Amino acid sequence: MSVDEFRTLADSPAEPSRNPFAVTPNDSTELAIIPKALFIGTGGSIALRGVGAAADVIFRNVASGQVLDVRAQFVRATGTTAADIVALA
C-alpha cells in the first residue's frame, strides 16, 4: 500500500518536493509514495489512477517538461507513452 507522506509529515501539497523519484509505469503496482505531482520528461500520454479514484484516466498530448498537478496512486504501463516520468513527493 502506498504511503501518503502528507498525513505523516509536517508537509503539504503546496510545498516544494522533498523526495522526487523516478516512476516506472506498471499496470498493477502502486507508487511507493503518493506524489504531489508528476513531471513528464518526454511527452506523450499517461494513464494513471488518482488517490481515491474509482477508475483510471488517460492524459493525452502531455508536453515534454510539463508538470501534472495530480496525486497519482498508480501510473499504468498500458496507455502510457510518455517517458522519463519523475514523481514530485
PDB file of N, CA and C in Angstrom:
ATOM      1  N   MET A   1       0.842  -1.180   0.000  1.00  0.00           N
ATOM      2  CA  MET A   1       0.000   0.000   0.000  1.00  0.00           C
ATOM      3  C   MET A   1       0.884   1.239   0.000  1.00  0.00           C
ATOM      4  N   SER A   2       0.470   2.228  -0.736  1.00  0.00           N
ATOM      5  CA  SER A   2       1.228   3.470  -0.832  1.00  0.00           C
ATOM      6  C   SER A   2       1.212   4.225   0.489  1.00  0.00           C
ATOM      7  N   VAL A   3       2.312   4.914   0.748  1.00  0.00           N
ATOM      8  CA  VAL A   3       2.412   5.759   1.926  1.00  0.00           C
ATOM      9  C   VAL A   3       2.106   7.181   1.503  1.00  0.00           C
ATOM     10  N   ASP A   4       1.182   7.832   2.182  1.00  0.00           N
ATOM     11  CA  ASP A   4       0.856   9.227   1.894  1.00  0.00           C
ATOM     12  C   ASP A   4       1.613  10.085   2.902  1.00  0.00           C
ATOM     13  N   GLU A   5       2.766  10.611   2.477  1.00  0.00           N
ATOM     14  CA  GLU A   5       3.620  11.368   3.383  1.00  0.00           C
ATOM     15  C   GLU A   5       2.939  12.613   3.936  1.00  0.00           C
ATOM     16  N   PHE A   6       1.930  13.130   3.267  1.00  0.00           N
ATOM     17  CA  PHE A   6       1.287  14.353   3.727  1.00  0.00           C
ATOM     18  C   PHE A   6       0.476  14.128   4.992  1.00  0.00           C
ATOM     19  N   ARG A   7       0.160  12.893   5.284  1.00  0.00           N
ATOM     20  CA  ARG A   7      -0.577  12.588   6.509  1.00  0.00           C
ATOM     21  C   ARG A   7       0.351  12.365   7.696  1.00  0.00           C
ATOM     22  N   THR A   8       1.637  12.090   7.401  1.00  0.00           N
ATOM     23  CA  THR A   8       2.549  11.737   8.483  1.00  0.00           C
ATOM     24  C   THR A   8       3.644  12.762   8.729  1.00  0.00           C
ATOM     25  N   LEU A   9       3.852  13.690   7.801  1.00  0.00           N
ATOM     26  CA  LEU A   9       4.894  14.686   7.958  1.00  0.00           C
ATOM     27  C   LEU A   9       4.290  16.080   8.006  1.00  0.00           C
ATOM     28  N   ALA A  10       5.055  17.012   8.523  1.00  0.00           N
ATOM     29  CA  ALA A  10       4.629  18.412   8.508  1.00  0.00           C
ATOM     30  C   ALA A  10       4.906  18.953   7.111  1.00  0.00           C
ATOM     31  N   ASP A  11       4.097  18.550   6.154  1.00  0.00           N
ATOM     32  CA  ASP A  11       4.284  18.890   4.753  1.00  0.00           C
ATOM     33  C   ASP A  11       2.901  19.048   4.147  1.00  0.00           C
ATOM     34  N   SER A  12       2.828  19.720   3.026  1.00  0.00           N
ATOM     35  CA  SER A  12       1.547  19.876   2.354  1.00  0.00           C
ATOM     36  C   SER A  12       1.772  19.802   0.854  1.00  0.00           C
ATOM     37  N   PRO A  13       0.715  19.556   0.093  1.00  0.00           N
ATOM     38  CA  PRO A  13       0.864  19.503  -1.360  1.00  0.00           C
ATOM     39  C   PRO A  13       1.355  20.817  -1.973  1.00  0.00           C
ATOM     40  N   ALA A  14       1.208  21.921  -1.260  1.00  0.00           N
ATOM     41  CA  ALA A  14       1.644  23.217  -1.781  1.00  0.00           C
ATOM     42  C   ALA A  14       3.145  23.451  -1.599  1.00  0.00           C
ATOM     43  N   GLU A  15       3.791  22.668  -0.765  1.00  0.00           N
ATOM     44  CA  GLU A  15       5.222  22.815  -0.508  1.00  0.00           C
ATOM     45  C   GLU A  15       6.035  22.188  -1.640  1.00  0.00           C
ATOM     46  N   PRO A  16       7.274  22.633  -1.846  1.00  0.00           N
ATOM     47  CA  PRO A  16       8.133  22.020  -2.868  1.00  0.00           C
ATOM     48  C   PRO A  16       8.381  20.540  -2.571  1.00  0.00           C
ATOM     49  N   SER A  17       8.710  19.812  -3.613  1.00  0.00           N
ATOM     50  CA  SER A  17       9.000  18.387  -3.477  1.00  0.00           C
ATOM     51  C   SER A  17      10.225  18.174  -2.595  1.00  0.00           C
ATOM     52  N   ARG A  18      10.131  17.233  -1.697  1.00  0.00           N
ATOM     53  CA  ARG A  18      11.255  16.870  -0.832  1.00  0.00           C
ATOM     54  C   ARG A  18      11.902  15.556  -1.257  1.00  0.00           C
ATOM     55  N   ASN A  19      11.138  14.747  -1.990  1.00  0.00           N
ATOM     56  CA  ASN A  19      11.593  13.386  -2.258  1.00  0.00           C
ATOM     57  C   ASN A  19      11.215  12.951  -3.682  1.00  0.00           C
ATOM     58  N   PRO A  20      11.772  13.621  -4.717  1.00  0.00           N
ATOM     59  CA  PRO A  20      11.444  13.190  -6.075  1.00  0.00           C
ATOM     60  C   PRO A  20      12.015  11.803  -6.366  1.00  0.00           C
ATOM     61  N   PHE A  21      11.292  11.039  -7.186  1.00  0.00           N
ATOM     62  CA  PHE A  21      11.785   9.715  -7.562  1.00  0.00           C
ATOM     63  C   PHE A  21      11.288   9.354  -8.955  1.00  0.00           C
ATOM     64  N   ALA A  22      12.076   8.533  -9.640  1.00  0.00           N
ATOM     65  CA  ALA A  22      11.722   8.090 -10.983  1.00  0.00           C
ATOM     66  C   ALA A  22      10.534   7.136 -10.918  1.00  0.00           C
ATOM     67  N   VAL A  23       9.667   7.249 -11.912  1.00  0.00           N
ATOM     68  CA  VAL A  23       8.484   6.394 -11.989  1.00  0.00           C
ATOM     69  C   VAL A  23       8.640   5.431 -13.161  1.00  0.00           C
ATOM     70  N   THR A  24       8.463   4.160 -12.872  1.00  0.00           N
ATOM     71  CA  THR A  24       8.388   3.141 -13.912  1.00  0.00           C
ATOM     72  C   THR A  24       6.936   2.708 -14.001  1.00  0.00           C
ATOM     73  N   PRO A  25       6.244   3.062 -15.086  1.00  0.00           N
ATOM     74  CA  PRO A  25       4.839   2.670 -15.198  1.00  0.00           C
ATOM     75  C   PRO A  25       4.665   1.164 -15.053  1.00  0.00           C
ATOM     76  N   ASN A  26       3.609   0.778 -14.333  1.00  0.00           N
ATOM     77  CA  ASN A  26       3.331  -0.626 -14.070  1.00  0.00           C
ATOM     78  C   ASN A  26       1.816  -0.768 -13.952  1.00  0.00           C
ATOM     79  N   ASP A  27       1.269  -1.812 -14.541  1.00  0.00           N
ATOM     80  CA  ASP A  27      -0.182  -1.968 -14.539  1.00  0.00           C
ATOM     81  C   ASP A  27      -0.768  -2.384 -13.195  1.00  0.00           C
ATOM     82  N   SER A  28       0.033  -2.962 -12.304  1.00  0.00           N
ATOM     83  CA  SER A  28      -0.542  -3.481 -11.061  1.00  0.00           C
ATOM     84  C   SER A  28       0.113  -2.965  -9.786  1.00  0.00           C
ATOM     85  N   THR A  29       1.268  -2.349  -9.869  1.00  0.00           N
ATOM     86  CA  THR A  29       1.977  -1.910  -8.669  1.00  0.00           C
ATOM     87  C   THR A  29       1.724  -0.434  -8.394  1.00  0.00           C
ATOM     88  N   GLU A  30       1.307  -0.141  -7.160  1.00  0.00           N
ATOM     89  CA  GLU A  30       1.100   1.246  -6.739  1.00  0.00           C
ATOM     90  C   GLU A  30       2.435   1.963  -6.626  1.00  0.00           C
ATOM     91  N   LEU A  31       2.399   3.278  -6.732  1.00  0.00           N
ATOM     92  CA  LEU A  31       3.590   4.066  -6.418  1.00  0.00           C
ATOM     93  C   LEU A  31       3.882   3.904  -4.930  1.00  0.00           C
ATOM     94  N   ALA A  32       5.137   3.841  -4.573  1.00  0.00           N
ATOM     95  CA  ALA A  32       5.515   3.630  -3.173  1.00  0.00           C
ATOM     96  C   ALA A  32       5.096   4.797  -2.295  1.00  0.00           C
ATOM     97  N   ILE A  33       5.131   5.989  -2.854  1.00  0.00           N
ATOM     98  CA  ILE A  33       4.741   7.212  -2.141  1.00  0.00           C
ATOM     99  C   ILE A  33       3.774   7.971  -3.037  1.00  0.00           C
ATOM    100  N   ILE A  34       2.722   8.511  -2.464  1.00  0.00           N
ATOM    101  CA  ILE A  34       1.782   9.326  -3.224  1.00  0.00           C
ATOM    102  C   ILE A  34       2.447  10.678  -3.489  1.00  0.00           C
ATOM    103  N   PRO A  35       2.691  11.017  -4.752  1.00  0.00           N
ATOM    104  CA  PRO A  35       3.372  12.282  -5.048  1.00  0.00           C
ATOM    105  C   PRO A  35       2.420  13.476  -5.063  1.00  0.00           C
ATOM    106  N   LYS A  36       3.019  14.661  -5.007  1.00  0.00           N
ATOM    107  CA  LYS A  36       2.267  15.909  -5.134  1.00  0.00           C
ATOM    108  C   LYS A  36       1.905  16.161  -6.583  1.00  0.00           C
ATOM    109  N   ALA A  37       2.776  15.723  -7.490  1.00  0.00           N
ATOM    110  CA  ALA A  37       2.612  15.960  -8.921  1.00  0.00           C
ATOM    111  C   ALA A  37       3.556  15.029  -9.666  1.00  0.00           C
ATOM    112  N   LEU A  38       3.410  15.012 -10.983  1.00  0.00           N
ATOM    113  CA  LEU A  38       4.289  14.230 -11.843  1.00  0.00           C
ATOM    114  C   LEU A  38       4.942  15.156 -12.863  1.00  0.00           C
ATOM    115  N   PHE A  39       6.252  15.034 -13.016  1.00  0.00           N
ATOM    116  CA  PHE A  39       6.984  15.755 -14.053  1.00  0.00           C
ATOM    117  C   PHE A  39       7.134  14.799 -15.227  1.00  0.00           C
ATOM    118  N   ILE A  40       6.773  15.257 -16.423  1.00  0.00           N
ATOM    119  CA  ILE A  40       6.849  14.429 -17.618  1.00  0.00           C
ATOM    120  C   ILE A  40       8.048  14.883 -18.447  1.00  0.00           C
ATOM    121  N   GLY A  41       9.097  14.079 -18.469  1.00  0.00           N
ATOM    122  CA  GLY A  41      10.316  14.445 -19.182  1.00  0.00           C
ATOM    123  C   GLY A  41      10.168  14.367 -20.692  1.00  0.00           C
ATOM    124  N   THR A  42       9.568  13.285 -21.167  1.00  0.00           N
ATOM    125  CA  THR A  42       9.334  13.097 -22.595  1.00  0.00           C
ATOM    126  C   THR A  42       7.836  12.936 -22.794  1.00  0.00           C
ATOM    127  N   GLY A  43       7.253  13.829 -23.572  1.00  0.00           N
ATOM    128  CA  GLY A  43       5.805  13.901 -23.713  1.00  0.00           C
ATOM    129  C   GLY A  43       5.154  12.691 -24.350  1.00  0.00           C
ATOM    130  N   GLY A  44       3.842  12.639 -24.203  1.00  0.00           N
ATOM    131  CA  GLY A  44       3.021  11.558 -24.736  1.00  0.00           C
ATOM    132  C   GLY A  44       1.756  11.460 -23.924  1.00  0.00           C
ATOM    133  N   SER A  45       1.210  10.272 -23.818  1.00  0.00           N
ATOM    134  CA  SER A  45       0.028  10.012 -22.993  1.00  0.00           C
ATOM    135  C   SER A  45       0.468   9.388 -21.680  1.00  0.00           C
ATOM    136  N   ILE A  46      -0.317   9.625 -20.641  1.00  0.00           N
ATOM    137  CA  ILE A  46      -0.034   8.995 -19.354  1.00  0.00           C
ATOM    138  C   ILE A  46      -1.342   8.503 -18.756  1.00  0.00           C
ATOM    139  N   ALA A  47      -1.373   7.212 -18.471  1.00  0.00           N
ATOM    140  CA  ALA A  47      -2.536   6.574 -17.865  1.00  0.00           C
ATOM    141  C   ALA A  47      -2.274   6.444 -16.373  1.00  0.00           C
ATOM    142  N   LEU A  48      -3.205   6.907 -15.571  1.00  0.00           N
ATOM    143  CA  LEU A  48      -2.998   6.870 -14.122  1.00  0.00           C
ATOM    144  C   LEU A  48      -4.317   6.756 -13.389  1.00  0.00           C
ATOM    145  N   ARG A  49      -4.216   6.454 -12.122  1.00  0.00           N
ATOM    146  CA  ARG A  49      -5.367   6.490 -11.212  1.00  0.00           C
ATOM    147  C   ARG A  49      -4.991   7.389 -10.057  1.00  0.00           C
ATOM    148  N   GLY A  50      -5.797   8.381  -9.810  1.00  0.00           N
ATOM    149  CA  GLY A  50      -5.568   9.297  -8.705  1.00  0.00           C
ATOM    150  C   GLY A  50      -5.952   8.677  -7.375  1.00  0.00           C
ATOM    151  N   VAL A  51      -5.453   9.249  -6.315  1.00  0.00           N
ATOM    152  CA  VAL A  51      -5.762   8.777  -4.967  1.00  0.00           C
ATOM    153  C   VAL A  51      -7.274   8.847  -4.741  1.00  0.00           C
ATOM    154  N   GLY A  52      -7.843   7.753  -4.345  1.00  0.00           N
ATOM    155  CA  GLY A  52      -9.270   7.703  -4.045  1.00  0.00           C
ATOM    156  C   GLY A  52     -10.166   7.596  -5.265  1.00  0.00           C
ATOM    157  N   ALA A  53      -9.607   7.557  -6.461  1.00  0.00           N
ATOM    158  CA  ALA A  53     -10.419   7.454  -7.679  1.00  0.00           C
ATOM    159  C   ALA A  53     -10.880   6.016  -7.893  1.00  0.00           C
ATOM    160  N   ALA A  54     -11.994   5.877  -8.561  1.00  0.00           N
ATOM    161  CA  ALA A  54     -12.545   4.555  -8.842  1.00  0.00           C
ATOM    162  C   ALA A  54     -12.105   4.016 -10.195  1.00  0.00           C
ATOM    163  N   ALA A  55     -11.548   4.876 -11.045  1.00  0.00           N
ATOM    164  CA  ALA A  55     -11.169   4.450 -12.386  1.00  0.00           C
ATOM    165  C   ALA A  55      -9.917   5.192 -12.850  1.00  0.00           C
ATOM    166  N   ASP A  56      -9.276   4.609 -13.836  1.00  0.00           N
ATOM    167  CA  ASP A  56      -8.106   5.243 -14.447  1.00  0.00           C
ATOM    168  C   ASP A  56      -8.546   6.351 -15.392  1.00  0.00           C
ATOM    169  N   VAL A  57      -7.623   7.233 -15.690  1.00  0.00           N
ATOM    170  CA  VAL A  57      -7.832   8.300 -16.654  1.00  0.00           C
ATOM    171  C   VAL A  57      -6.565   8.397 -17.495  1.00  0.00           C
ATOM    172  N   ILE A  58      -6.722   8.797 -18.745  1.00  0.00           N
ATOM    173  CA  ILE A  58      -5.560   8.984 -19.621  1.00  0.00           C
ATOM    174  C   ILE A  58      -5.442  10.459 -19.977  1.00  0.00           C
ATOM    175  N   PHE A  59      -4.304  11.050 -19.654  1.00  0.00           N
ATOM    176  CA  PHE A  59      -3.968  12.408 -20.081  1.00  0.00           C
ATOM    177  C   PHE A  59      -3.275  12.255 -21.429  1.00  0.00           C
ATOM    178  N   ARG A  60      -3.818  12.860 -22.458  1.00  0.00           N
ATOM    179  CA  ARG A  60      -3.261  12.733 -23.809  1.00  0.00           C
ATOM    180  C   ARG A  60      -2.528  14.017 -24.198  1.00  0.00           C
ATOM    181  N   ASN A  61      -1.527  13.861 -25.056  1.00  0.00           N
ATOM    182  CA  ASN A  61      -0.771  15.002 -25.583  1.00  0.00           C
ATOM    183  C   ASN A  61      -0.104  15.830 -24.490  1.00  0.00           C
ATOM    184  N   VAL A  62       0.408  15.159 -23.466  1.00  0.00           N
ATOM    185  CA  VAL A  62       1.145  15.843 -22.410  1.00  0.00           C
ATOM    186  C   VAL A  62       2.495  16.259 -22.991  1.00  0.00           C
ATOM    187  N   ALA A  63       2.852  17.510 -22.823  1.00  0.00           N
ATOM    188  CA  ALA A  63       4.084  18.039 -23.400  1.00  0.00           C
ATOM    189  C   ALA A  63       5.312  17.623 -22.592  1.00  0.00           C
ATOM    190  N   SER A  64       6.435  17.516 -23.267  1.00  0.00           N
ATOM    191  CA  SER A  64       7.710  17.291 -22.573  1.00  0.00           C
ATOM    192  C   SER A  64       7.957  18.456 -21.624  1.00  0.00           C
ATOM    193  N   GLY A  65       8.372  18.151 -20.416  1.00  0.00           N
ATOM    194  CA  GLY A  65       8.660  19.187 -19.432  1.00  0.00           C
ATOM    195  C   GLY A  65       7.449  19.661 -18.650  1.00  0.00           C
ATOM    196  N   GLN A  66       6.283  19.092 -18.911  1.00  0.00           N
ATOM    197  CA  GLN A  66       5.068  19.511 -18.216  1.00  0.00           C
ATOM    198  C   GLN A  66       4.981  18.872 -16.835  1.00  0.00           C
ATOM    199  N   VAL A  67       4.407  19.605 -15.891  1.00  0.00           N
ATOM    200  CA  VAL A  67       4.120  19.080 -14.564  1.00  0.00           C
ATOM    201  C   VAL A  67       2.613  18.869 -14.475  1.00  0.00           C
ATOM    202  N   LEU A  68       2.211  17.635 -14.174  1.00  0.00           N
ATOM    203  CA  LEU A  68       0.802  17.321 -13.965  1.00  0.00           C
ATOM    204  C   LEU A  68       0.505  17.428 -12.481  1.00  0.00           C
ATOM    205  N   ASP A  69      -0.350  18.349 -12.125  1.00  0.00           N
ATOM    206  CA  ASP A  69      -0.734  18.518 -10.722  1.00  0.00           C
ATOM    207  C   ASP A  69      -1.798  17.487 -10.367  1.00  0.00           C
ATOM    208  N   VAL A  70      -1.344  16.266 -10.169  1.00  0.00           N
ATOM    209  CA  VAL A  70      -2.255  15.168  -9.846  1.00  0.00           C
ATOM    210  C   VAL A  70      -1.569  14.251  -8.846  1.00  0.00           C
ATOM    211  N   ARG A  71      -2.317  13.847  -7.852  1.00  0.00           N
ATOM    212  CA  ARG A  71      -1.787  12.941  -6.831  1.00  0.00           C
ATOM    213  C   ARG A  71      -2.118  11.515  -7.252  1.00  0.00           C
ATOM    214  N   ALA A  72      -1.202  10.910  -7.989  1.00  0.00           N
ATOM    215  CA  ALA A  72      -1.418   9.591  -8.586  1.00  0.00           C
ATOM    216  C   ALA A  72      -1.077   8.474  -7.614  1.00  0.00           C
ATOM    217  N   GLN A  73      -1.930   7.469  -7.586  1.00  0.00           N
ATOM    218  CA  GLN A  73      -1.652   6.269  -6.813  1.00  0.00           C
ATOM    219  C   GLN A  73      -1.021   5.204  -7.706  1.00  0.00           C
ATOM    220  N   PHE A  74      -1.436   5.164  -8.975  1.00  0.00           N
ATOM    221  CA  PHE A  74      -0.897   4.253  -9.980  1.00  0.00           C
ATOM    222  C   PHE A  74      -0.525   5.045 -11.219  1.00  0.00           C
ATOM    223  N   VAL A  75       0.557   4.683 -11.871  1.00  0.00           N
ATOM    224  CA  VAL A  75       0.875   5.129 -13.223  1.00  0.00           C
ATOM    225  C   VAL A  75       0.956   3.842 -14.034  1.00  0.00           C
ATOM    226  N   ARG A  76       0.007   3.674 -14.940  1.00  0.00           N
ATOM    227  CA  ARG A  76      -0.133   2.410 -15.675  1.00  0.00           C
ATOM    228  C   ARG A  76       0.808   2.340 -16.874  1.00  0.00           C
ATOM    229  N   ALA A  77       1.316   1.147 -17.151  1.00  0.00           N
ATOM    230  CA  ALA A  77       2.132   0.924 -18.336  1.00  0.00           C
ATOM    231  C   ALA A  77       1.250   0.928 -19.585  1.00  0.00           C
ATOM    232  N   THR A  78       0.093   0.265 -19.476  1.00  0.00           N
ATOM    233  CA  THR A  78      -0.839   0.228 -20.596  1.00  0.00           C
ATOM    234  C   THR A  78      -1.469   1.602 -20.764  1.00  0.00           C
ATOM    235  N   GLY A  79      -1.291   2.189 -21.908  1.00  0.00           N
ATOM    236  CA  GLY A  79      -1.842   3.514 -22.179  1.00  0.00           C
ATOM    237  C   GLY A  79      -0.860   4.645 -21.973  1.00  0.00           C
ATOM    238  N   THR A  80       0.298   4.361 -21.373  1.00  0.00           N
ATOM    239  CA  THR A  80       1.293   5.387 -21.149  1.00  0.00           C
ATOM    240  C   THR A  80       2.364   5.318 -22.236  1.00  0.00           C
ATOM    241  N   THR A  81       2.509   6.427 -22.966  1.00  0.00           N
ATOM    242  CA  THR A  81       3.568   6.529 -23.974  1.00  0.00           C
ATOM    243  C   THR A  81       4.603   7.558 -23.558  1.00  0.00           C
ATOM    244  N   ALA A  82       4.278   8.397 -22.575  1.00  0.00           N
ATOM    245  CA  ALA A  82       5.235   9.373 -22.041  1.00  0.00           C
ATOM    246  C   ALA A  82       6.359   8.608 -21.340  1.00  0.00           C
ATOM    247  N   ALA A  83       7.511   9.251 -21.218  1.00  0.00           N
ATOM    248  CA  ALA A  83       8.668   8.616 -20.593  1.00  0.00           C
ATOM    249  C   ALA A  83       9.398   9.616 -19.713  1.00  0.00           C
ATOM    250  N   ASP A  84      10.382   9.126 -18.989  1.00  0.00           N
ATOM    251  CA  ASP A  84      11.188   9.973 -18.108  1.00  0.00           C
ATOM    252  C   ASP A  84      10.297  10.709 -17.107  1.00  0.00           C
ATOM    253  N   ILE A  85       9.430   9.946 -16.462  1.00  0.00           N
ATOM    254  CA  ILE A  85       8.467  10.490 -15.506  1.00  0.00           C
ATOM    255  C   ILE A  85       9.110  10.540 -14.128  1.00  0.00           C
ATOM    256  N   VAL A  86       8.976  11.673 -13.479  1.00  0.00           N
ATOM    257  CA  VAL A  86       9.501  11.843 -12.118  1.00  0.00           C
ATOM    258  C   VAL A  86       8.342  12.245 -11.212  1.00  0.00           C
ATOM    259  N   ALA A  87       8.168  11.500 -10.123  1.00  0.00           N
ATOM    260  CA  ALA A  87       7.164  11.833  -9.122  1.00  0.00           C
ATOM    261  C   ALA A  87       7.743  12.897  -8.194  1.00  0.00           C
ATOM    262  N   LEU A  88       6.982  13.930  -7.934  1.00  0.00           N
ATOM    263  CA  LEU A  88       7.407  15.002  -7.031  1.00  0.00           C
ATOM    264  C   LEU A  88       6.710  14.784  -5.697  1.00  0.00           C
ATOM    265  N   ALA A  89       7.409  14.119  -4.788  1.00  0.00           N
ATOM    266  CA  ALA A  89       6.825  13.779  -3.496  1.00  0.00           C
ATOM    267  C   ALA A  89       7.402  14.647  -2.399  1.00  0.00           C
TER     268      ALA A  89
END
